[in-house]
Amino acid sequence: YGKNTIKFLRLHKEGKKDFVKEVEVCTHLRLTSAQEYLDGNNSLVIPTDTIKNIVLVLAKKNGIPTIEQFAIDICKHFMTTFCQVVYVKTYVQEVPWQRLQENGVPHIHSFICAPEGIRFCEAEQCRNGPLVISAGIKDLKLMKTTMSGFEGFYKNEHTTLPERHDRILCGELFCKWSYGEHKDFDFDCIWYMNKIRECILEAFAGPPDCGEYSPSYQKTVNSIQMHVLSKVSQVQIIETMLNNTFYNVVDMKNLGLTNEKEVLVPVETPYGSCACTLARKKFLEA
């Protein structure tokens, strides 16, 4: 059990400059006994309102240096404070605020919400077990207008989909990766310097001057996973889901026009989905 959707803004100042972190936190606990479930005995239950207040107090006292470190702080607090807690899992996602700039000069107190994917993380620990850290990006909407097709697929009497060698590839990407057992990583350095988000974009799009052909959504997902694993050594396992949006060319013959893939309409539902997980061999053997 636990508390979901704890939303708040953490503001701190360094001289004249303001810094913000707006996050949403979900924290779930498992206790030594299920007596509240079986017998209605609530003596071990930490109220969800208490869980919420603990999260807010930790944000006040510790700040949020990175969302990963904040998730670690929450897990450690529940493990070290409450002997009846045997498992804790904390999820944190960050609102994508970016500092405004004018002529390349960063503003001291103004920000813009730039929805270029939402960064999130998870910290998970069982009592006497390792603290495991995962991170990821979701709601990342991507499109390539050509260099994508789908041909040579299995067909039977129920198949109506035509083969296509030139189609729009569009979808919403969810990508989650695990660092394995907690180590003293600089999570912001991994995010910004190793540029995991940029690795995803590079693998999806291909070289900027020519692109890269995608024979299927599955192959594109694999290319993203392989590229991240090759560039970021700290990532041990990566889970990727691509919910794809189809576009149909509008038939304009009745309007006296020829539409050569210039006006298209999205097919909202149903939509396709591809989910894959890829891990390093040494991680699976550990």
Protein backbone atom coordinates (compact mmCIF):
# COMPACT_ATOMS: atom_id res chain seq x y z
CA TYR A 1 0.00 0.00 0.00
CA GLY A 2 1.14 3.60 -0.19
CA LYS A 3 0.59 7.13 -1.37
CA ASN A 4 0.36 8.06 -5.05
CA THR A 5 0.65 11.36 -6.90
CA ILE A 6 2.38 13.48 -4.27
CA LYS A 7 2.99 16.64 -6.31
CA PHE A 8 5.05 19.61 -5.19
CA LEU A 9 7.54 22.26 -6.31
CA ARG A 10 10.90 22.56 -4.53
CA LEU A 11 12.42 26.03 -4.87
CA HIS A 12 15.83 27.08 -3.62
CA LYS A 13 18.01 30.14 -4.15
CA GLU A 14 21.71 30.61 -4.71
CA GLY A 15 22.36 34.32 -4.47
CA LYS A 16 20.05 36.01 -6.95
CA LYS A 17 19.50 32.83 -8.94
CA ASP A 18 16.46 30.58 -8.40
CA PHE A 19 16.41 26.81 -9.00
CA VAL A 20 13.28 24.66 -9.29
CA LYS A 21 12.37 20.98 -9.21
CA GLU A 22 8.71 20.08 -9.63
CA VAL A 23 8.06 16.39 -9.10
CA GLU A 24 5.40 13.74 -8.63
CA VAL A 25 6.17 10.99 -6.13
CA CYS A 26 4.57 7.59 -5.50
CA THR A 27 5.77 5.57 -2.51
CA HIS A 28 4.60 2.03 -1.71
CA LEU A 29 5.41 -0.09 1.34
CA ARG A 30 5.12 -3.74 2.33
CA LEU A 31 4.95 -4.55 6.05
CA THR A 32 6.10 -7.53 8.14
CA SER A 33 2.50 -8.60 8.65
CA ALA A 34 -0.74 -8.51 6.69
CA GLN A 35 -2.81 -8.24 9.88
CA GLU A 36 -4.54 -5.06 8.75
CA TYR A 37 -5.69 -6.96 5.65
CA LEU A 38 -6.56 -10.24 7.36
CA ASP A 39 -7.77 -9.10 10.80
CA GLY A 40 -8.42 -5.36 10.55
CA ASN A 41 -5.56 -4.66 13.01
CA ASN A 42 -3.97 -1.35 11.95
CA SER A 43 -1.28 -1.17 14.64
CA LEU A 44 1.59 -1.52 12.14
CA VAL A 45 0.10 0.62 9.38
CA ILE A 46 1.88 3.89 8.59
CA PRO A 47 -0.94 6.19 7.39
CA THR A 48 -0.64 7.34 3.81
CA ASP A 49 -0.94 10.93 5.05
CA THR A 50 2.21 10.29 7.11
CA ILE A 51 3.93 8.92 4.01
CA LYS A 52 3.04 12.11 2.12
CA ASN A 53 4.33 14.34 4.92
CA ILE A 54 7.60 12.39 5.15
CA VAL A 55 8.19 12.95 1.43
CA LEU A 56 7.58 16.69 1.82
CA VAL A 57 9.81 16.94 4.90
CA LEU A 58 12.65 15.12 3.12
CA ALA A 59 12.32 17.54 0.21
CA LYS A 60 12.53 20.46 2.65
CA LYS A 61 15.51 19.06 4.60
CA ASN A 62 17.56 17.41 1.83
CA GLY A 63 16.45 19.23 -1.29
CA ILE A 64 16.36 17.32 -4.59
CA PRO A 65 19.92 17.21 -5.96
CA THR A 66 18.69 14.64 -8.50
CA ILE A 67 15.41 12.76 -8.66
CA GLU A 68 17.35 9.51 -8.26
CA GLN A 69 19.00 10.71 -5.07
CA PHE A 70 15.64 11.90 -3.74
CA ALA A 71 14.13 8.44 -4.39
CA ILE A 72 17.11 6.88 -2.58
CA ASP A 73 16.61 9.25 0.39
CA ILE A 74 12.94 8.23 0.66
CA CYS A 75 13.74 4.50 0.54
CA LYS A 76 16.48 4.81 3.14
CA HIS A 77 14.25 6.83 5.46
CA PHE A 78 11.50 4.20 5.55
CA MET A 79 13.97 1.34 5.90
CA THR A 80 15.89 2.93 8.77
CA THR A 81 12.94 4.51 10.61
CA PHE A 82 10.25 1.79 10.59
CA CYS A 83 11.16 -1.76 11.62
CA GLN A 84 7.82 -3.06 10.31
CA VAL A 85 8.69 -2.05 6.72
CA VAL A 86 10.20 -4.93 4.73
CA TYR A 87 9.94 -3.44 1.24
CA VAL A 88 9.77 0.07 -0.17
CA LYS A 89 9.47 1.30 -3.74
CA THR A 90 9.55 4.95 -4.71
CA TYR A 91 8.78 6.41 -8.12
CA VAL A 92 9.66 10.03 -8.94
CA GLN A 93 8.97 11.90 -12.17
CA GLU A 94 10.04 15.45 -12.96
CA VAL A 95 8.13 18.24 -14.68
CA PRO A 96 10.38 19.38 -17.58
CA TRP A 97 11.04 22.97 -16.54
CA GLN A 98 13.90 24.65 -18.42
CA ARG A 99 15.48 27.97 -17.62
CA LEU A 100 14.57 30.74 -20.06
CA GLN A 101 17.39 32.33 -22.03
CA GLU A 102 17.62 35.65 -23.83
CA ASN A 103 20.38 36.01 -26.40
CA GLY A 104 22.12 33.07 -24.78
CA VAL A 105 21.96 34.58 -21.28
CA PRO A 106 20.15 32.36 -18.71
CA HIS A 107 17.37 34.11 -16.80
CA ILE A 108 17.78 34.18 -13.03
CA HIS A 109 14.19 33.29 -12.12
CA SER A 110 12.07 32.45 -15.19
CA PHE A 111 11.41 29.04 -16.70
CA ILE A 112 9.51 27.38 -19.53
CA CYS A 113 7.90 23.95 -19.46
CA ALA A 114 9.32 22.13 -22.48
CA PRO A 115 7.56 18.77 -22.93
CA GLU A 116 10.38 16.90 -24.66
CA GLY A 117 9.79 13.73 -22.67
CA ILE A 118 9.37 13.29 -18.92
CA ARG A 119 12.33 12.10 -16.86
CA PHE A 120 11.54 9.60 -14.10
CA CYS A 121 13.24 7.16 -11.75
CA GLU A 122 12.53 4.33 -9.32
CA ALA A 123 14.32 3.15 -6.18
CA GLU A 124 13.40 -0.26 -4.79
CA GLN A 125 14.65 -2.17 -1.76
CA CYS A 126 13.78 -5.19 0.35
CA ARG A 127 15.04 -5.37 3.92
CA ASN A 128 18.52 -6.93 3.96
CA GLY A 129 18.53 -6.67 0.18
CA PRO A 130 20.26 -4.34 -2.29
CA LEU A 131 18.91 -0.92 -3.24
CA VAL A 132 18.13 -1.09 -6.98
CA ILE A 133 17.94 2.09 -9.07
CA SER A 134 16.14 2.53 -12.39
CA ALA A 135 15.55 5.62 -14.47
CA GLY A 136 13.88 6.49 -17.72
CA ILE A 137 12.00 8.80 -20.01
CA LYS A 138 8.34 8.64 -21.05
CA ASP A 139 5.83 10.57 -23.17
CA LEU A 140 8.56 11.20 -25.76
CA LYS A 141 6.70 11.74 -29.04
CA LEU A 142 8.76 11.00 -32.14
CA MET A 143 8.13 11.03 -35.89
CA LYS A 144 10.04 10.32 -39.08
CA THR A 145 8.18 11.12 -42.28
CA THR A 146 10.01 8.66 -44.53
CA MET A 147 12.72 5.95 -44.43
CA SER A 148 10.31 3.54 -42.77
CA GLY A 149 8.43 0.56 -44.14
CA PHE A 150 6.85 -2.78 -43.28
CA GLU A 151 7.16 -5.58 -45.82
CA GLY A 152 7.50 -9.35 -46.02
CA PHE A 153 5.29 -10.03 -42.98
CA TYR A 154 3.26 -13.20 -42.43
CA LYS A 155 -0.06 -13.23 -44.26
CA ASN A 156 -3.16 -15.39 -44.13
CA GLU A 157 -6.88 -15.07 -44.91
CA HIS A 158 -7.30 -12.47 -42.16
CA THR A 159 -4.58 -10.12 -43.44
CA THR A 160 -5.76 -6.91 -45.06
CA LEU A 161 -2.73 -4.70 -44.36
CA PRO A 162 -0.86 -3.77 -47.54
CA GLU A 163 2.92 -3.84 -47.66
CA ARG A 164 4.56 -0.43 -47.48
CA HIS A 165 8.10 0.61 -48.26
CA ASP A 166 7.62 4.30 -47.49
CA ARG A 167 5.46 5.23 -44.52
CA ILE A 168 5.40 7.63 -41.58
CA LEU A 169 6.84 6.15 -38.41
CA CYS A 170 5.31 7.94 -35.44
CA GLY A 171 4.86 6.96 -31.84
CA GLU A 172 5.11 7.70 -28.16
CA LEU A 173 8.18 6.18 -26.54
CA PHE A 174 8.58 4.83 -23.02
CA CYS A 175 12.11 3.84 -22.07
CA LYS A 176 13.26 2.56 -18.66
CA TRP A 177 16.74 1.37 -17.80
CA SER A 178 18.27 -0.18 -14.69
CA TYR A 179 21.62 0.67 -13.13
CA GLY A 180 21.43 -2.51 -11.05
CA GLU A 181 22.47 -2.35 -7.41
CA HIS A 182 22.97 1.19 -6.12
CA LYS A 183 26.43 2.63 -6.60
CA ASP A 184 27.70 6.14 -6.11
CA PHE A 185 26.73 7.29 -9.59
CA ASP A 186 26.40 10.92 -10.63
CA PHE A 187 22.92 10.50 -12.07
CA ASP A 188 22.70 13.99 -13.55
CA CYS A 189 26.07 13.45 -15.25
CA ILE A 190 24.78 10.21 -16.78
CA TRP A 191 21.60 11.98 -17.94
CA TYR A 192 23.22 15.14 -19.31
CA MET A 193 26.81 14.19 -20.20
CA ASN A 194 26.16 10.69 -21.52
CA LYS A 195 23.03 12.12 -23.14
CA ILE A 196 20.80 9.08 -22.94
CA ARG A 197 17.90 11.05 -24.41
CA GLU A 198 20.09 12.10 -27.33
CA CYS A 199 21.18 8.46 -27.84
CA ILE A 200 17.52 7.51 -28.19
CA LEU A 201 16.92 10.27 -30.74
CA GLU A 202 20.04 9.37 -32.75
CA ALA A 203 19.03 5.72 -32.99
CA PHE A 204 15.45 6.58 -33.94
CA ALA A 205 16.30 9.11 -36.63
CA GLY A 206 19.67 8.01 -38.04
CA PRO A 207 22.24 10.44 -39.51
CA PRO A 208 20.81 13.96 -39.99
CA ASP A 209 21.71 14.16 -43.69
CA CYS A 210 20.23 10.85 -44.81
CA GLY A 211 18.43 9.10 -41.95
CA GLU A 212 18.33 5.33 -41.51
CA TYR A 213 15.76 2.93 -42.91
CA SER A 214 13.47 1.25 -40.40
CA PRO A 215 12.04 -2.10 -41.61
CA SER A 216 9.78 -2.39 -38.53
CA TYR A 217 8.95 -0.81 -35.19
CA GLN A 218 10.64 -3.79 -33.54
CA LYS A 219 13.94 -3.13 -35.31
CA THR A 220 13.80 0.56 -34.38
CA VAL A 221 13.27 -0.35 -30.72
CA ASN A 222 16.23 -2.74 -30.86
CA SER A 223 18.42 -0.05 -32.46
CA ILE A 224 17.57 2.33 -29.63
CA GLN A 225 18.39 -0.25 -26.97
CA MET A 226 21.67 -1.31 -28.59
CA HIS A 227 22.78 2.31 -29.02
CA VAL A 228 22.11 3.18 -25.37
CA LEU A 229 23.92 0.07 -24.10
CA SER A 230 26.90 0.81 -26.34
CA LYS A 231 27.18 4.43 -25.20
CA VAL A 232 26.29 4.27 -21.48
CA SER A 233 28.24 1.64 -19.55
CA GLN A 234 26.25 2.16 -16.33
CA VAL A 235 23.03 0.89 -17.92
CA GLN A 236 22.58 -2.86 -17.34
CA ILE A 237 19.10 -3.56 -18.70
CA ILE A 238 16.78 -1.45 -20.84
CA GLU A 239 13.04 -1.81 -21.36
CA THR A 240 11.46 0.04 -24.27
CA MET A 241 7.87 0.42 -25.42
CA LEU A 242 6.76 2.21 -28.56
CA ASN A 243 3.05 2.93 -28.98
CA ASN A 244 2.78 3.73 -32.64
CA THR A 245 0.34 6.03 -34.40
CA PHE A 246 -0.75 5.23 -37.95
CA TYR A 247 -1.48 7.90 -40.56
CA ASN A 248 -3.73 7.35 -43.56
CA VAL A 249 -3.47 9.37 -46.76
CA VAL A 250 -6.70 11.29 -47.40
CA ASP A 251 -8.42 10.27 -50.64
CA MET A 252 -9.10 13.57 -52.47
CA LYS A 253 -10.26 12.18 -55.80
CA ASN A 254 -13.83 13.37 -55.18
CA LEU A 255 -12.38 16.84 -54.64
CA GLY A 256 -10.59 16.75 -57.98
CA LEU A 257 -7.16 16.53 -56.37
CA THR A 258 -4.31 14.05 -56.28
CA ASN A 259 -2.94 13.60 -52.78
CA GLU A 260 0.60 12.19 -52.89
CA LYS A 261 1.08 11.65 -49.15
CA GLU A 262 0.75 15.37 -48.50
CA VAL A 263 -2.38 15.41 -46.33
CA LEU A 264 -2.81 12.57 -43.84
CA VAL A 265 -5.04 11.88 -40.85
CA PRO A 266 -4.00 9.98 -37.72
CA VAL A 267 -5.72 6.72 -36.83
CA GLU A 268 -6.37 7.27 -33.12
CA THR A 269 -7.49 3.74 -32.22
CA PRO A 270 -6.62 0.99 -32.29
CA TYR A 271 -2.89 1.63 -32.33
CA GLY A 272 0.04 -0.74 -32.46
CA SER A 273 2.50 -1.34 -29.66
CA CYS A 274 5.94 -2.89 -29.43
CA ALA A 275 7.60 -3.71 -26.09
CA CYS A 276 11.07 -5.20 -25.75
CA THR A 277 13.65 -5.70 -22.98
CA LEU A 278 17.38 -6.07 -23.60
CA ALA A 279 20.08 -6.77 -20.99
CA ARG A 280 23.81 -7.21 -20.88
CA LYS A 281 24.78 -10.89 -20.67
CA LYS A 282 26.87 -10.32 -17.54
CA PHE A 283 23.84 -8.74 -15.84
CA LEU A 284 21.67 -11.79 -16.55
CA GLU A 285 24.38 -14.13 -15.26
CA ALA A 286 24.87 -12.17 -12.03
